[in-house]
């Protein structure tokens, strides 16, 4: 009688320990080997305890940030663009197998490479400025599958753009048309002014007293008609 009771209790333990619940936001992938996996959707399920590797996979939309270097032909610059990527798991088995062999960082690196080669290569050819890039991407759904990762890229939003460096073209300035030379000169001037303003903003934050002194000198430089209108150095600094 005692043995029967023990066997009964063990059976109950095995029964309940094998139960698991899957909610509507996820699926469960139980992997026995890379080629043997089973997907369980919403509901109450049972699996033999300790048999297979459990992986809960969130299937609703999620967001990741990736950095991609792009060439902006209109400004002749290399730019580091930060994208907010909306994506979702399309093939849970492929997704789980990839993560089991790699890690989340590798997933985002592959995601960035896929976005650059499959999406941005065609998009960048259609744009002439950063503003156009932002408008184009933020106004459209992408909806393209990445079979290697088991995910679907839904949309891209540009969250930040940083200039890395000016690119050098083989075409010399003497080969440019008057219109192209003027456009290039304007671009260089705009970039120079932007960098100057960034330097001044940094100076203002780090040393506001010296920034005020610099601003005062600049004011006299632009408005004074002759040296007599500029106060002596010691009086100028004391203001």
C-alpha atoms as a PDB file:
ATOM      1  CA  UNK A   1       0.000   0.000   0.000  1.00  0.00           C
ATOM      2  CA  UNK A   2       2.826   2.351   0.879  1.00  0.00           C
ATOM      3  CA  UNK A   3       4.583   1.709  -2.444  1.00  0.00           C
ATOM      4  CA  UNK A   4       1.368   2.407  -4.348  1.00  0.00           C
ATOM      5  CA  UNK A   5       0.969   5.721  -2.530  1.00  0.00           C
ATOM      6  CA  UNK A   6       4.556   6.714  -3.354  1.00  0.00           C
ATOM      7  CA  UNK A   7       4.071   5.841  -7.010  1.00  0.00           C
ATOM      8  CA  UNK A   8       0.811   7.829  -7.061  1.00  0.00           C
ATOM      9  CA  UNK A   9       2.454  10.883  -5.514  1.00  0.00           C
ATOM     10  CA  UNK A  10       5.352  10.673  -7.959  1.00  0.00           C
ATOM     11  CA  UNK A  11       2.877  10.477 -10.824  1.00  0.00           C
ATOM     12  CA  UNK A  12       1.041  13.568  -9.566  1.00  0.00           C
ATOM     13  CA  UNK A  13       4.360  15.388  -9.203  1.00  0.00           C
ATOM     14  CA  UNK A  14       5.408  14.486 -12.748  1.00  0.00           C
ATOM     15  CA  UNK A  15       1.982  15.502 -14.082  1.00  0.00           C
ATOM     16  CA  UNK A  16       1.973  18.931 -12.501  1.00  0.00           C
ATOM     17  CA  UNK A  17       5.662  19.664 -13.015  1.00  0.00           C
ATOM     18  CA  UNK A  18       5.200  19.116 -16.743  1.00  0.00           C
ATOM     19  CA  UNK A  19       2.380  21.685 -17.038  1.00  0.00           C
ATOM     20  CA  UNK A  20       3.157  25.138 -18.433  1.00  0.00           C
ATOM     21  CA  UNK A  21       1.075  28.110 -19.546  1.00  0.00           C
ATOM     22  CA  UNK A  22       1.628  30.256 -22.629  1.00  0.00           C
ATOM     23  CA  UNK A  23      -0.080  33.658 -22.778  1.00  0.00           C
ATOM     24  CA  UNK A  24      -1.207  35.505 -25.897  1.00  0.00           C
ATOM     25  CA  UNK A  25       1.931  37.638 -26.141  1.00  0.00           C
ATOM     26  CA  UNK A  26       4.345  34.755 -26.522  1.00  0.00           C
ATOM     27  CA  UNK A  27       5.043  31.237 -27.713  1.00  0.00           C
ATOM     28  CA  UNK A  28       7.176  28.535 -26.178  1.00  0.00           C
ATOM     29  CA  UNK A  29       9.818  26.727 -28.194  1.00  0.00           C
ATOM     30  CA  UNK A  30      10.950  23.422 -26.703  1.00  0.00           C
ATOM     31  CA  UNK A  31      14.214  22.366 -28.312  1.00  0.00           C
ATOM     32  CA  UNK A  32      15.514  18.822 -28.118  1.00  0.00           C
ATOM     33  CA  UNK A  33      18.186  19.396 -30.773  1.00  0.00           C
ATOM     34  CA  UNK A  34      18.882  22.071 -33.426  1.00  0.00           C
ATOM     35  CA  UNK A  35      16.746  20.055 -35.850  1.00  0.00           C
ATOM     36  CA  UNK A  36      14.054  18.982 -33.388  1.00  0.00           C
ATOM     37  CA  UNK A  37      11.945  21.791 -31.933  1.00  0.00           C
ATOM     38  CA  UNK A  38       8.257  22.228 -31.208  1.00  0.00           C
ATOM     39  CA  UNK A  39       6.318  25.471 -30.881  1.00  0.00           C
ATOM     40  CA  UNK A  40       3.477  25.861 -28.350  1.00  0.00           C
ATOM     41  CA  UNK A  41       1.042  28.745 -28.715  1.00  0.00           C
ATOM     42  CA  UNK A  42      -1.448  30.303 -26.266  1.00  0.00           C
ATOM     43  CA  UNK A  43      -2.931  27.885 -23.725  1.00  0.00           C
ATOM     44  CA  UNK A  44      -2.087  25.241 -21.113  1.00  0.00           C
ATOM     45  CA  UNK A  45       0.320  22.532 -22.257  1.00  0.00           C
ATOM     46  CA  UNK A  46       2.262  19.600 -20.908  1.00  0.00           C
ATOM     47  CA  UNK A  47       5.752  18.380 -21.635  1.00  0.00           C
ATOM     48  CA  UNK A  48       7.779  15.608 -20.092  1.00  0.00           C
ATOM     49  CA  UNK A  49       9.679  17.251 -17.203  1.00  0.00           C
ATOM     50  CA  UNK A  50      13.349  18.016 -17.844  1.00  0.00           C
ATOM     51  CA  UNK A  51      13.011  16.903 -21.468  1.00  0.00           C
ATOM     52  CA  UNK A  52      14.140  19.601 -23.879  1.00  0.00           C
ATOM     53  CA  UNK A  53      15.167  23.221 -23.474  1.00  0.00           C
ATOM     54  CA  UNK A  54      12.346  25.699 -22.770  1.00  0.00           C
ATOM     55  CA  UNK A  55      12.449  29.095 -24.514  1.00  0.00           C
ATOM     56  CA  UNK A  56       9.705  31.669 -23.987  1.00  0.00           C
ATOM     57  CA  UNK A  57       9.628  33.933 -27.044  1.00  0.00           C
ATOM     58  CA  UNK A  58       7.852  37.304 -27.028  1.00  0.00           C
ATOM     59  CA  UNK A  59       6.075  37.621 -30.394  1.00  0.00           C
ATOM     60  CA  UNK A  60       4.544  41.099 -30.113  1.00  0.00           C
ATOM     61  CA  UNK A  61       6.316  44.083 -31.642  1.00  0.00           C
ATOM     62  CA  UNK A  62       9.456  45.267 -29.878  1.00  0.00           C
ATOM     63  CA  UNK A  63      12.082  47.960 -30.419  1.00  0.00           C
ATOM     64  CA  UNK A  64      15.859  47.991 -30.702  1.00  0.00           C
ATOM     65  CA  UNK A  65      18.405  50.723 -31.436  1.00  0.00           C
ATOM     66  CA  UNK A  66      21.074  50.081 -34.060  1.00  0.00           C
ATOM     67  CA  UNK A  67      23.902  52.275 -35.377  1.00  0.00           C
ATOM     68  CA  UNK A  68      24.640  52.307 -39.102  1.00  0.00           C
ATOM     69  CA  UNK A  69      27.274  54.317 -40.985  1.00  0.00           C
ATOM     70  CA  UNK A  70      25.935  55.950 -44.144  1.00  0.00           C
ATOM     71  CA  UNK A  71      27.421  58.111 -46.885  1.00  0.00           C
ATOM     72  CA  UNK A  72      25.483  61.317 -47.501  1.00  0.00           C
ATOM     73  CA  UNK A  73      26.274  62.241 -51.094  1.00  0.00           C
ATOM     74  CA  UNK A  74      24.568  65.639 -50.852  1.00  0.00           C
ATOM     75  CA  UNK A  75      26.903  66.878 -48.098  1.00  0.00           C
ATOM     76  CA  UNK A  76      29.883  64.649 -48.943  1.00  0.00           C
ATOM     77  CA  UNK A  77      29.924  63.296 -45.376  1.00  0.00           C
ATOM     78  CA  UNK A  78      30.081  60.021 -43.517  1.00  0.00           C
ATOM     79  CA  UNK A  79      27.327  59.942 -40.913  1.00  0.00           C
ATOM     80  CA  UNK A  80      26.570  57.619 -38.013  1.00  0.00           C
ATOM     81  CA  UNK A  81      22.795  57.196 -37.952  1.00  0.00           C
ATOM     82  CA  UNK A  82      20.973  55.804 -34.928  1.00  0.00           C
ATOM     83  CA  UNK A  83      17.799  53.961 -35.911  1.00  0.00           C
ATOM     84  CA  UNK A  84      14.900  52.924 -33.718  1.00  0.00           C
ATOM     85  CA  UNK A  85      13.892  49.588 -35.255  1.00  0.00           C
ATOM     86  CA  UNK A  86      10.424  48.138 -34.726  1.00  0.00           C
ATOM     87  CA  UNK A  87      10.484  44.386 -35.286  1.00  0.00           C
ATOM     88  CA  UNK A  88       8.798  41.137 -34.330  1.00  0.00           C
ATOM     89  CA  UNK A  89       9.671  37.452 -34.272  1.00  0.00           C
ATOM     90  CA  UNK A  90       8.406  35.748 -37.423  1.00  0.00           C
ATOM     91  CA  UNK A  91       9.939  32.262 -37.054  1.00  0.00           C
ATOM     92  CA  UNK A  92      10.376  31.391 -33.343  1.00  0.00           C
ATOM     93  CA  UNK A  93      12.467  28.275 -34.018  1.00  0.00           C
ATOM     94  CA  UNK A  94      15.013  30.077 -36.211  1.00  0.00           C
ATOM     95  CA  UNK A  95      15.102  32.971 -33.737  1.00  0.00           C
ATOM     96  CA  UNK A  96      15.732  30.695 -30.738  1.00  0.00           C
ATOM     97  CA  UNK A  97      18.385  28.650 -32.557  1.00  0.00           C
ATOM     98  CA  UNK A  98      20.245  31.831 -33.503  1.00  0.00           C
ATOM     99  CA  UNK A  99      20.224  33.135 -29.917  1.00  0.00           C
ATOM    100  CA  UNK A 100      21.310  29.763 -28.559  1.00  0.00           C
ATOM    101  CA  UNK A 101      24.348  29.837 -30.842  1.00  0.00           C
ATOM    102  CA  UNK A 102      25.080  33.549 -30.431  1.00  0.00           C
ATOM    103  CA  UNK A 103      23.875  36.387 -28.194  1.00  0.00           C
ATOM    104  CA  UNK A 104      21.637  39.461 -28.290  1.00  0.00           C
ATOM    105  CA  UNK A 105      24.491  41.744 -29.372  1.00  0.00           C
ATOM    106  CA  UNK A 106      25.195  39.512 -32.367  1.00  0.00           C
ATOM    107  CA  UNK A 107      21.488  39.592 -33.219  1.00  0.00           C
ATOM    108  CA  UNK A 108      21.496  43.404 -33.340  1.00  0.00           C
ATOM    109  CA  UNK A 109      24.729  43.459 -35.384  1.00  0.00           C
ATOM    110  CA  UNK A 110      23.177  41.114 -37.965  1.00  0.00           C
ATOM    111  CA  UNK A 111      19.989  43.179 -37.871  1.00  0.00           C
ATOM    112  CA  UNK A 112      21.989  46.335 -38.646  1.00  0.00           C
ATOM    113  CA  UNK A 113      23.815  44.640 -41.545  1.00  0.00           C
ATOM    114  CA  UNK A 114      20.528  43.363 -42.939  1.00  0.00           C
ATOM    115  CA  UNK A 115      18.878  46.799 -42.716  1.00  0.00           C
ATOM    116  CA  UNK A 116      21.842  48.454 -44.430  1.00  0.00           C
ATOM    117  CA  UNK A 117      22.074  45.956 -47.296  1.00  0.00           C
ATOM    118  CA  UNK A 118      18.402  45.140 -47.906  1.00  0.00           C
ATOM    119  CA  UNK A 119      16.624  48.392 -47.025  1.00  0.00           C
ATOM    120  CA  UNK A 120      18.912  51.420 -46.861  1.00  0.00           C
ATOM    121  CA  UNK A 121      20.879  50.686 -50.037  1.00  0.00           C
ATOM    122  CA  UNK A 122      17.766  51.456 -52.088  1.00  0.00           C
ATOM    123  CA  UNK A 123      16.454  54.182 -49.787  1.00  0.00           C
ATOM    124  CA  UNK A 124      19.649  56.257 -49.632  1.00  0.00           C
ATOM    125  CA  UNK A 125      19.779  56.404 -53.424  1.00  0.00           C
ATOM    126  CA  UNK A 126      16.445  58.284 -53.360  1.00  0.00           C
ATOM    127  CA  UNK A 127      17.400  60.993 -50.852  1.00  0.00           C
ATOM    128  CA  UNK A 128      19.391  64.194 -51.064  1.00  0.00           C
ATOM    129  CA  UNK A 129      19.495  65.295 -47.423  1.00  0.00           C
ATOM    130  CA  UNK A 130      19.125  64.079 -43.844  1.00  0.00           C
ATOM    131  CA  UNK A 131      15.686  65.690 -43.703  1.00  0.00           C
ATOM    132  CA  UNK A 132      14.559  63.656 -46.713  1.00  0.00           C
ATOM    133  CA  UNK A 133      15.930  60.466 -45.130  1.00  0.00           C
ATOM    134  CA  UNK A 134      13.982  61.085 -41.923  1.00  0.00           C
ATOM    135  CA  UNK A 135      10.767  61.939 -43.786  1.00  0.00           C
ATOM    136  CA  UNK A 136      11.053  58.922 -46.085  1.00  0.00           C
ATOM    137  CA  UNK A 137      11.706  56.345 -43.335  1.00  0.00           C
ATOM    138  CA  UNK A 138       9.354  57.767 -40.718  1.00  0.00           C
ATOM    139  CA  UNK A 139       6.430  57.863 -43.143  1.00  0.00           C
ATOM    140  CA  UNK A 140       6.493  54.259 -44.392  1.00  0.00           C
ATOM    141  CA  UNK A 141       6.176  50.726 -43.084  1.00  0.00           C
ATOM    142  CA  UNK A 142       9.035  48.468 -44.143  1.00  0.00           C
ATOM    143  CA  UNK A 143       7.659  44.983 -43.441  1.00  0.00           C
ATOM    144  CA  UNK A 144      10.556  42.900 -44.737  1.00  0.00           C
ATOM    145  CA  UNK A 145      11.515  39.468 -43.392  1.00  0.00           C
ATOM    146  CA  UNK A 146      14.980  38.404 -42.328  1.00  0.00           C
ATOM    147  CA  UNK A 147      14.951  34.589 -42.677  1.00  0.00           C
ATOM    148  CA  UNK A 148      18.410  34.180 -41.101  1.00  0.00           C
ATOM    149  CA  UNK A 149      17.236  35.688 -37.816  1.00  0.00           C
ATOM    150  CA  UNK A 150      13.606  34.581 -37.952  1.00  0.00           C
ATOM    151  CA  UNK A 151      12.354  38.150 -37.539  1.00  0.00           C
ATOM    152  CA  UNK A 152      10.454  40.767 -39.530  1.00  0.00           C
ATOM    153  CA  UNK A 153      11.560  44.418 -39.699  1.00  0.00           C
ATOM    154  CA  UNK A 154       8.373  46.489 -39.459  1.00  0.00           C
ATOM    155  CA  UNK A 155       9.573  50.098 -39.497  1.00  0.00           C
ATOM    156  CA  UNK A 156      12.617  52.343 -39.066  1.00  0.00           C
ATOM    157  CA  UNK A 157      12.762  55.720 -37.336  1.00  0.00           C
ATOM    158  CA  UNK A 158      15.819  57.968 -37.381  1.00  0.00           C
ATOM    159  CA  UNK A 159      16.504  59.033 -33.790  1.00  0.00           C
ATOM    160  CA  UNK A 160      19.939  60.659 -34.157  1.00  0.00           C
ATOM    161  CA  UNK A 161      22.494  61.605 -36.833  1.00  0.00           C
ATOM    162  CA  UNK A 162      26.135  62.410 -36.081  1.00  0.00           C
ATOM    163  CA  UNK A 163      28.677  63.534 -38.671  1.00  0.00           C
ATOM    164  CA  UNK A 164      31.758  61.303 -38.584  1.00  0.00           C
ATOM    165  CA  UNK A 165      33.957  62.950 -41.205  1.00  0.00           C
ATOM    166  CA  UNK A 166      34.066  64.610 -44.583  1.00  0.00           C
ATOM    167  CA  UNK A 167      34.572  62.175 -47.444  1.00  0.00           C
ATOM    168  CA  UNK A 168      37.117  62.848 -50.164  1.00  0.00           C
ATOM    169  CA  UNK A 169      36.046  62.576 -53.777  1.00  0.00           C
ATOM    170  CA  UNK A 170      38.335  62.072 -56.753  1.00  0.00           C
ATOM    171  CA  UNK A 171      36.774  64.969 -58.621  1.00  0.00           C
ATOM    172  CA  UNK A 172      38.838  68.138 -58.170  1.00  0.00           C
ATOM    173  CA  UNK A 173      37.263  71.531 -57.555  1.00  0.00           C
ATOM    174  CA  UNK A 174      38.407  72.672 -60.998  1.00  0.00           C
ATOM    175  CA  UNK A 175      36.253  69.942 -62.592  1.00  0.00           C
ATOM    176  CA  UNK A 176      33.087  71.118 -60.870  1.00  0.00           C
ATOM    177  CA  UNK A 177      30.481  73.202 -62.617  1.00  0.00           C
ATOM    178  CA  UNK A 178      29.750  76.647 -61.228  1.00  0.00           C
ATOM    179  CA  UNK A 179      26.524  75.375 -59.660  1.00  0.00           C
ATOM    180  CA  UNK A 180      28.234  72.334 -58.092  1.00  0.00           C
ATOM    181  CA  UNK A 181      31.134  74.423 -56.790  1.00  0.00           C
ATOM    182  CA  UNK A 182      28.700  76.872 -55.206  1.00  0.00           C
ATOM    183  CA  UNK A 183      26.704  74.037 -53.601  1.00  0.00           C
ATOM    184  CA  UNK A 184      29.900  72.480 -52.246  1.00  0.00           C
ATOM    185  CA  UNK A 185      31.066  75.820 -50.844  1.00  0.00           C
ATOM    186  CA  UNK A 186      27.723  76.345 -49.105  1.00  0.00           C
ATOM    187  CA  UNK A 187      27.897  72.804 -47.664  1.00  0.00           C
ATOM    188  CA  UNK A 188      31.411  73.374 -46.302  1.00  0.00           C
ATOM    189  CA  UNK A 189      30.398  76.727 -44.828  1.00  0.00           C
ATOM    190  CA  UNK A 190      27.329  75.218 -43.154  1.00  0.00           C
ATOM    191  CA  UNK A 191      29.368  72.403 -41.651  1.00  0.00           C
ATOM    192  CA  UNK A 192      32.029  74.860 -40.437  1.00  0.00           C
ATOM    193  CA  UNK A 193      29.379  77.069 -38.820  1.00  0.00           C
ATOM    194  CA  UNK A 194      27.801  74.023 -37.213  1.00  0.00           C
ATOM    195  CA  UNK A 195      31.105  72.887 -35.714  1.00  0.00           C
ATOM    196  CA  UNK A 196      31.861  76.439 -34.542  1.00  0.00           C
ATOM    197  CA  UNK A 197      28.490  76.685 -32.800  1.00  0.00           C
ATOM    198  CA  UNK A 198      29.024  73.302 -31.126  1.00  0.00           C
ATOM    199  CA  UNK A 199      32.388  74.560 -29.826  1.00  0.00           C
ATOM    200  CA  UNK A 200      30.813  77.755 -28.497  1.00  0.00           C
ATOM    201  CA  UNK A 201      28.005  75.828 -26.818  1.00  0.00           C
ATOM    202  CA  UNK A 202      30.579  73.629 -25.117  1.00  0.00           C
ATOM    203  CA  UNK A 203      32.586  76.692 -24.019  1.00  0.00           C
ATOM    204  CA  UNK A 204      29.443  78.332 -22.630  1.00  0.00           C
ATOM    205  CA  UNK A 205      28.616  75.245 -20.584  1.00  0.00           C
ATOM    206  CA  UNK A 206      32.153  74.714 -19.261  1.00  0.00           C
ATOM    207  CA  UNK A 207      33.261  78.324 -18.713  1.00  0.00           C
ATOM    208  CA  UNK A 208      30.350  80.813 -18.871  1.00  0.00           C
ATOM    209  CA  UNK A 209      32.507  83.741 -17.628  1.00  0.00           C
ATOM    210  CA  UNK A 210      35.023  83.372 -20.441  1.00  0.00           C
ATOM    211  CA  UNK A 211      32.174  82.835 -22.933  1.00  0.00           C
ATOM    212  CA  UNK A 212      30.650  86.180 -21.873  1.00  0.00           C
ATOM    213  CA  UNK A 213      34.035  87.857 -22.337  1.00  0.00           C
ATOM    214  CA  UNK A 214      34.420  86.295 -25.781  1.00  0.00           C
ATOM    215  CA  UNK A 215      30.889  87.369 -26.774  1.00  0.00           C
ATOM    216  CA  UNK A 216      31.582  90.936 -25.674  1.00  0.00           C
ATOM    217  CA  UNK A 217      34.749  91.096 -27.767  1.00  0.00           C
ATOM    218  CA  UNK A 218      32.844  89.724 -30.763  1.00  0.00           C
ATOM    219  CA  UNK A 219      30.169  92.361 -30.254  1.00  0.00           C
ATOM    220  CA  UNK A 220      32.714  95.194 -30.319  1.00  0.00           C
ATOM    221  CA  UNK A 221      34.425  93.587 -33.292  1.00  0.00           C
ATOM    222  CA  UNK A 222      31.232  93.686 -35.326  1.00  0.00           C
ATOM    223  CA  UNK A 223      29.855  97.063 -34.203  1.00  0.00           C
ATOM    224  CA  UNK A 224      32.826  99.297 -33.394  1.00  0.00           C
ATOM    225  CA  UNK A 225      33.670 101.710 -36.218  1.00  0.00           C
ATOM    226  CA  UNK A 226      37.165 102.480 -34.900  1.00  0.00           C
ATOM    227  CA  UNK A 227      39.512 101.669 -32.014  1.00  0.00           C
ATOM    228  CA  UNK A 228      38.292 104.623 -29.979  1.00  0.00           C
ATOM    229  CA  UNK A 229      34.929 102.883 -29.480  1.00  0.00           C
ATOM    230  CA  UNK A 230      36.609  99.837 -27.867  1.00  0.00           C
ATOM    231  CA  UNK A 231      37.321 100.212 -24.098  1.00  0.00           C
ATOM    232  CA  UNK A 232      40.814  99.485 -22.744  1.00  0.00           C
ATOM    233  CA  UNK A 233      41.583  95.847 -22.057  1.00  0.00           C
ATOM    234  CA  UNK A 234      41.409  96.115 -18.243  1.00  0.00           C
ATOM    235  CA  UNK A 235      38.060  97.907 -18.315  1.00  0.00           C
ATOM    236  CA  UNK A 236      36.711  95.539 -20.960  1.00  0.00           C
ATOM    237  CA  UNK A 237      37.490  92.450 -18.874  1.00  0.00           C
ATOM    238  CA  UNK A 238      35.993  93.954 -15.694  1.00  0.00           C
ATOM    239  CA  UNK A 239      32.534  94.293 -17.181  1.00  0.00           C
END
